[in-house]
Amino acid sequence: MTAEKEWRARIERNLGQATAARVRELFSEINPHLVGDKLFEKRWSAKRKDAAVLVPLIAREEGMRVIMTVRSSTMPSHAGQISFPGGKTHPEDKDAIDTALREAHEEVNIPPEAVHVIGSLGVHKGGLGFSVTPVIGMVDPTAPLRPCPREVDEIFEIPLDFVADLANHITEERTLEGVPYKMYAAPYGRYHIWGLTAGILRSFAETLQDEDAA
């Protein structure tokens, strides 16, 4: 069995586990003492907006990689941050997979037919009221990756081995109006992956573990 098939089989097996499929309240998981705090309630909206992202895996000569983006510095929200291709659900989208594939095509030019969808993680509830479903998909290596200049400044890739190593997933302390709180992070070289994107990577890492992993 090739490395690509091994990874795919492991992900498919583990996606059915409760640890991978559960809904994740990212902020409250690591900041239980701040749940209900008035300072933070004004940032975390109770009104949810559905969204989806594609977690695109691609086979390269050096091994399996995860495609990621740096958002355009001119975007009205999360400018310059690292993310997966994705966005808000549109009325015409049939489901989260439809949303993720449409957004990936718009943002990084991955044709929907070039993606083999393996499955989805559970909904990730982040800040600003978004409920995001991460969709895991294998991308044809011949797909013509190209950033949409309006939305994406850069496309880059990180090794799947890096994501699978739970030691690479950390939390960082930040401060809002003098109150310390924690955020997920997964620094990789010059790329500082944090927040919702890092939280999704941490969930995905659970589906990359061996059956006997703790």
Protein backbone atom coordinates (compact mmCIF):
# COMPACT_ATOMS: atom_id res chain seq x y z
CA MET A 1 0.00 0.00 0.00
CA THR A 2 1.36 3.43 -0.95
CA ALA A 3 1.81 6.15 1.65
CA GLU A 4 -1.09 8.08 0.10
CA LYS A 5 -3.43 5.10 0.44
CA GLU A 6 -2.24 4.46 3.99
CA TRP A 7 -3.03 8.03 5.02
CA ARG A 8 -6.40 7.90 3.31
CA ALA A 9 -7.32 4.60 4.97
CA ARG A 10 -6.30 5.93 8.39
CA ILE A 11 -8.33 9.13 7.96
CA GLU A 12 -11.41 7.24 6.76
CA ARG A 13 -11.14 4.86 9.73
CA ASN A 14 -10.71 7.56 12.32
CA LEU A 15 -13.27 10.05 10.99
CA GLY A 16 -15.98 7.86 12.45
CA GLN A 17 -14.61 8.17 15.96
CA ALA A 18 -16.27 10.51 18.44
CA THR A 19 -13.03 12.42 19.04
CA ALA A 20 -12.93 13.44 15.38
CA ALA A 21 -16.63 13.98 14.76
CA ARG A 22 -17.62 15.94 17.85
CA VAL A 23 -18.69 19.56 17.68
CA ARG A 24 -15.86 21.71 19.03
CA GLU A 25 -16.42 24.90 20.97
CA LEU A 26 -12.87 26.06 20.41
CA PHE A 27 -12.73 29.06 22.72
CA SER A 28 -14.53 27.48 25.66
CA GLU A 29 -12.45 24.28 25.44
CA ILE A 30 -9.28 26.08 26.43
CA ASN A 31 -10.82 29.02 28.30
CA PRO A 32 -13.58 27.47 30.45
CA HIS A 33 -13.07 30.17 33.08
CA LEU A 34 -14.07 32.88 30.57
CA VAL A 35 -17.31 31.31 29.33
CA GLY A 36 -20.05 33.85 29.96
CA ASP A 37 -17.58 36.66 30.65
CA LYS A 38 -19.14 39.91 29.38
CA LEU A 39 -15.86 41.07 27.84
CA PHE A 40 -15.70 38.00 25.62
CA GLU A 41 -19.41 37.55 24.98
CA LYS A 42 -19.37 40.73 22.90
CA ARG A 43 -16.78 39.11 20.59
CA TRP A 44 -18.35 35.64 20.39
CA SER A 45 -21.78 36.03 18.85
CA ALA A 46 -24.64 33.71 19.86
CA LYS A 47 -26.07 34.02 16.34
CA ARG A 48 -24.31 31.40 14.20
CA LYS A 49 -23.45 31.63 10.50
CA ASP A 50 -22.77 28.37 8.66
CA ALA A 51 -19.50 28.03 6.75
CA ALA A 52 -17.19 25.31 5.46
CA VAL A 53 -13.53 24.94 4.54
CA LEU A 54 -11.67 22.42 2.46
CA VAL A 55 -8.68 20.75 4.14
CA PRO A 56 -6.91 19.88 0.86
CA LEU A 57 -4.40 17.01 0.89
CA ILE A 58 -2.07 16.55 -2.05
CA ALA A 59 0.55 13.89 -2.85
CA ARG A 60 4.00 15.26 -3.69
CA GLU A 61 7.29 13.47 -4.30
CA GLU A 62 8.41 14.43 -0.80
CA GLY A 63 5.22 13.07 0.75
CA MET A 64 1.65 14.07 1.56
CA ARG A 65 1.08 17.78 2.08
CA VAL A 66 -1.73 20.07 3.25
CA ILE A 67 -2.54 23.08 1.07
CA MET A 68 -3.07 26.33 2.98
CA THR A 69 -3.47 30.00 2.13
CA VAL A 70 -2.48 33.43 3.36
CA ARG A 71 -5.53 35.66 3.14
CA SER A 72 -5.21 38.89 1.20
CA SER A 73 -4.11 41.91 3.22
CA THR A 74 -7.07 43.83 1.76
CA MET A 75 -9.76 41.43 3.00
CA PRO A 76 -12.33 43.07 5.32
CA SER A 77 -11.92 40.31 7.95
CA HIS A 78 -8.96 38.15 9.02
CA ALA A 79 -6.69 40.02 6.60
CA GLY A 80 -3.24 38.46 6.25
CA GLN A 81 -4.14 35.45 8.38
CA ILE A 82 -3.50 31.83 7.45
CA SER A 83 -6.54 29.79 6.53
CA PHE A 84 -7.96 26.94 4.52
CA PRO A 85 -9.89 27.70 1.33
CA GLY A 86 -13.48 28.24 2.43
CA GLY A 87 -16.20 30.63 3.38
CA LYS A 88 -19.84 31.21 4.19
CA THR A 89 -22.56 28.86 2.99
CA HIS A 90 -24.58 30.21 0.06
CA PRO A 91 -28.29 29.47 -0.45
CA GLU A 92 -27.52 27.43 -3.57
CA ASP A 93 -25.07 25.13 -1.76
CA LYS A 94 -26.54 21.67 -1.15
CA ASP A 95 -24.37 20.97 1.88
CA ALA A 96 -21.03 21.75 3.55
CA ILE A 97 -19.13 19.77 0.91
CA ASP A 98 -20.69 21.91 -1.81
CA THR A 99 -19.62 25.06 0.07
CA ALA A 100 -16.05 23.87 0.61
CA LEU A 101 -15.55 22.79 -3.02
CA ARG A 102 -17.08 25.99 -4.42
CA GLU A 103 -14.92 28.20 -2.21
CA ALA A 104 -11.75 26.22 -2.99
CA HIS A 105 -12.41 26.67 -6.68
CA GLU A 106 -12.97 30.42 -6.24
CA GLU A 107 -9.99 31.04 -3.95
CA VAL A 108 -7.24 28.71 -5.23
CA ASN A 109 -8.62 27.40 -8.55
CA ILE A 110 -9.01 23.75 -7.47
CA PRO A 111 -11.72 22.29 -9.75
CA PRO A 112 -14.38 20.40 -7.74
CA GLU A 113 -13.86 17.34 -9.93
CA ALA A 114 -10.18 17.32 -8.90
CA VAL A 115 -11.09 16.62 -5.26
CA HIS A 116 -11.90 13.21 -3.82
CA VAL A 117 -13.81 13.96 -0.62
CA ILE A 118 -12.92 11.58 2.22
CA GLY A 119 -15.28 12.98 4.84
CA SER A 120 -15.87 15.84 7.24
CA LEU A 121 -14.91 16.76 10.77
CA GLY A 122 -17.52 17.95 13.22
CA VAL A 123 -18.64 21.58 13.26
CA HIS A 124 -16.06 23.97 14.75
CA LYS A 125 -17.57 26.97 16.50
CA GLY A 126 -15.17 29.89 16.37
CA GLY A 127 -15.28 33.59 17.03
CA LEU A 128 -17.40 36.10 15.10
CA GLY A 129 -20.34 33.70 15.07
CA PHE A 130 -19.14 31.18 12.48
CA SER A 131 -19.94 27.46 12.67
CA VAL A 132 -17.40 25.90 10.32
CA THR A 133 -17.45 22.38 8.90
CA PRO A 134 -13.99 21.19 7.76
CA VAL A 135 -14.17 18.90 4.71
CA ILE A 136 -11.19 16.60 4.12
CA GLY A 137 -10.33 15.93 0.47
CA MET A 138 -7.55 14.47 -1.67
CA VAL A 139 -6.58 16.83 -4.50
CA ASP A 140 -5.34 15.64 -7.88
CA PRO A 141 -1.63 16.64 -8.04
CA THR A 142 -2.19 18.03 -11.53
CA ALA A 143 -4.78 20.55 -10.28
CA PRO A 144 -3.80 24.05 -11.49
CA LEU A 145 -3.40 25.85 -8.17
CA ARG A 146 -3.67 29.62 -8.57
CA PRO A 147 -4.60 32.23 -5.95
CA CYS A 148 -7.51 34.60 -6.47
CA PRO A 149 -5.74 37.96 -5.97
CA ARG A 150 -8.77 39.53 -4.32
CA GLU A 151 -8.87 36.90 -1.57
CA VAL A 152 -5.50 35.12 -1.37
CA ASP A 153 -1.97 36.54 -1.19
CA GLU A 154 -0.17 33.19 -1.14
CA ILE A 155 -0.67 29.43 -1.42
CA PHE A 156 1.71 27.23 0.55
CA GLU A 157 1.91 23.62 1.74
CA ILE A 158 2.85 21.96 5.02
CA PRO A 159 3.79 18.29 5.47
CA LEU A 160 1.04 15.98 6.68
CA ASP A 161 3.65 14.44 9.00
CA PHE A 162 3.93 17.85 10.71
CA VAL A 163 0.17 17.99 11.25
CA ALA A 164 0.08 14.41 12.57
CA ASP A 165 2.62 15.17 15.31
CA LEU A 166 0.52 16.28 18.28
CA ALA A 167 3.58 17.99 19.78
CA ASN A 168 3.32 20.63 17.03
CA HIS A 169 -0.10 21.76 18.30
CA ILE A 170 0.08 24.24 21.14
CA THR A 171 -1.86 27.00 22.83
CA GLU A 172 -0.66 30.57 23.11
CA GLU A 173 -1.65 33.19 25.62
CA ARG A 174 -3.02 36.47 24.35
CA THR A 175 -4.57 39.44 26.10
CA LEU A 176 -7.77 41.38 25.48
CA GLU A 177 -8.22 44.56 27.48
CA GLY A 178 -5.88 43.23 30.13
CA VAL A 179 -7.55 39.80 30.41
CA PRO A 180 -5.34 36.83 29.36
CA TYR A 181 -6.87 34.05 27.27
CA LYS A 182 -5.60 31.12 25.20
CA MET A 183 -5.69 30.45 21.47
CA TYR A 184 -4.74 27.39 19.44
CA ALA A 185 -1.53 27.64 17.38
CA ALA A 186 0.65 25.47 15.12
CA PRO A 187 3.69 27.54 14.07
CA TYR A 188 5.41 26.24 10.93
CA GLY A 189 8.53 28.04 9.73
CA ARG A 190 7.66 31.62 8.81
CA TYR A 191 3.95 30.81 8.94
CA HIS A 192 2.18 31.45 12.22
CA ILE A 193 -0.98 29.34 12.10
CA TRP A 194 -3.36 30.22 14.92
CA GLY A 195 -6.98 30.61 15.97
CA LEU A 196 -9.77 28.69 14.25
CA THR A 197 -7.45 27.34 11.54
CA ALA A 198 -5.06 25.94 14.16
CA GLY A 199 -8.00 24.46 16.05
CA ILE A 200 -9.16 22.65 12.91
CA LEU A 201 -5.64 21.35 12.33
CA ARG A 202 -5.59 20.04 15.90
CA SER A 203 -8.87 18.18 15.34
CA PHE A 204 -7.59 16.83 12.04
CA ALA A 205 -4.43 15.58 13.79
CA GLU A 206 -6.63 13.25 15.82
CA THR A 207 -7.70 11.49 12.62
CA LEU A 208 -4.05 10.98 11.64
CA GLN A 209 -3.08 8.91 14.67
CA ASP A 210 -2.40 5.18 14.72
CA GLU A 211 -5.13 3.02 16.25
CA ASP A 212 -3.00 2.45 19.33
CA ALA A 213 -2.17 6.16 19.83
CA ALA A 214 -3.26 7.64 23.11
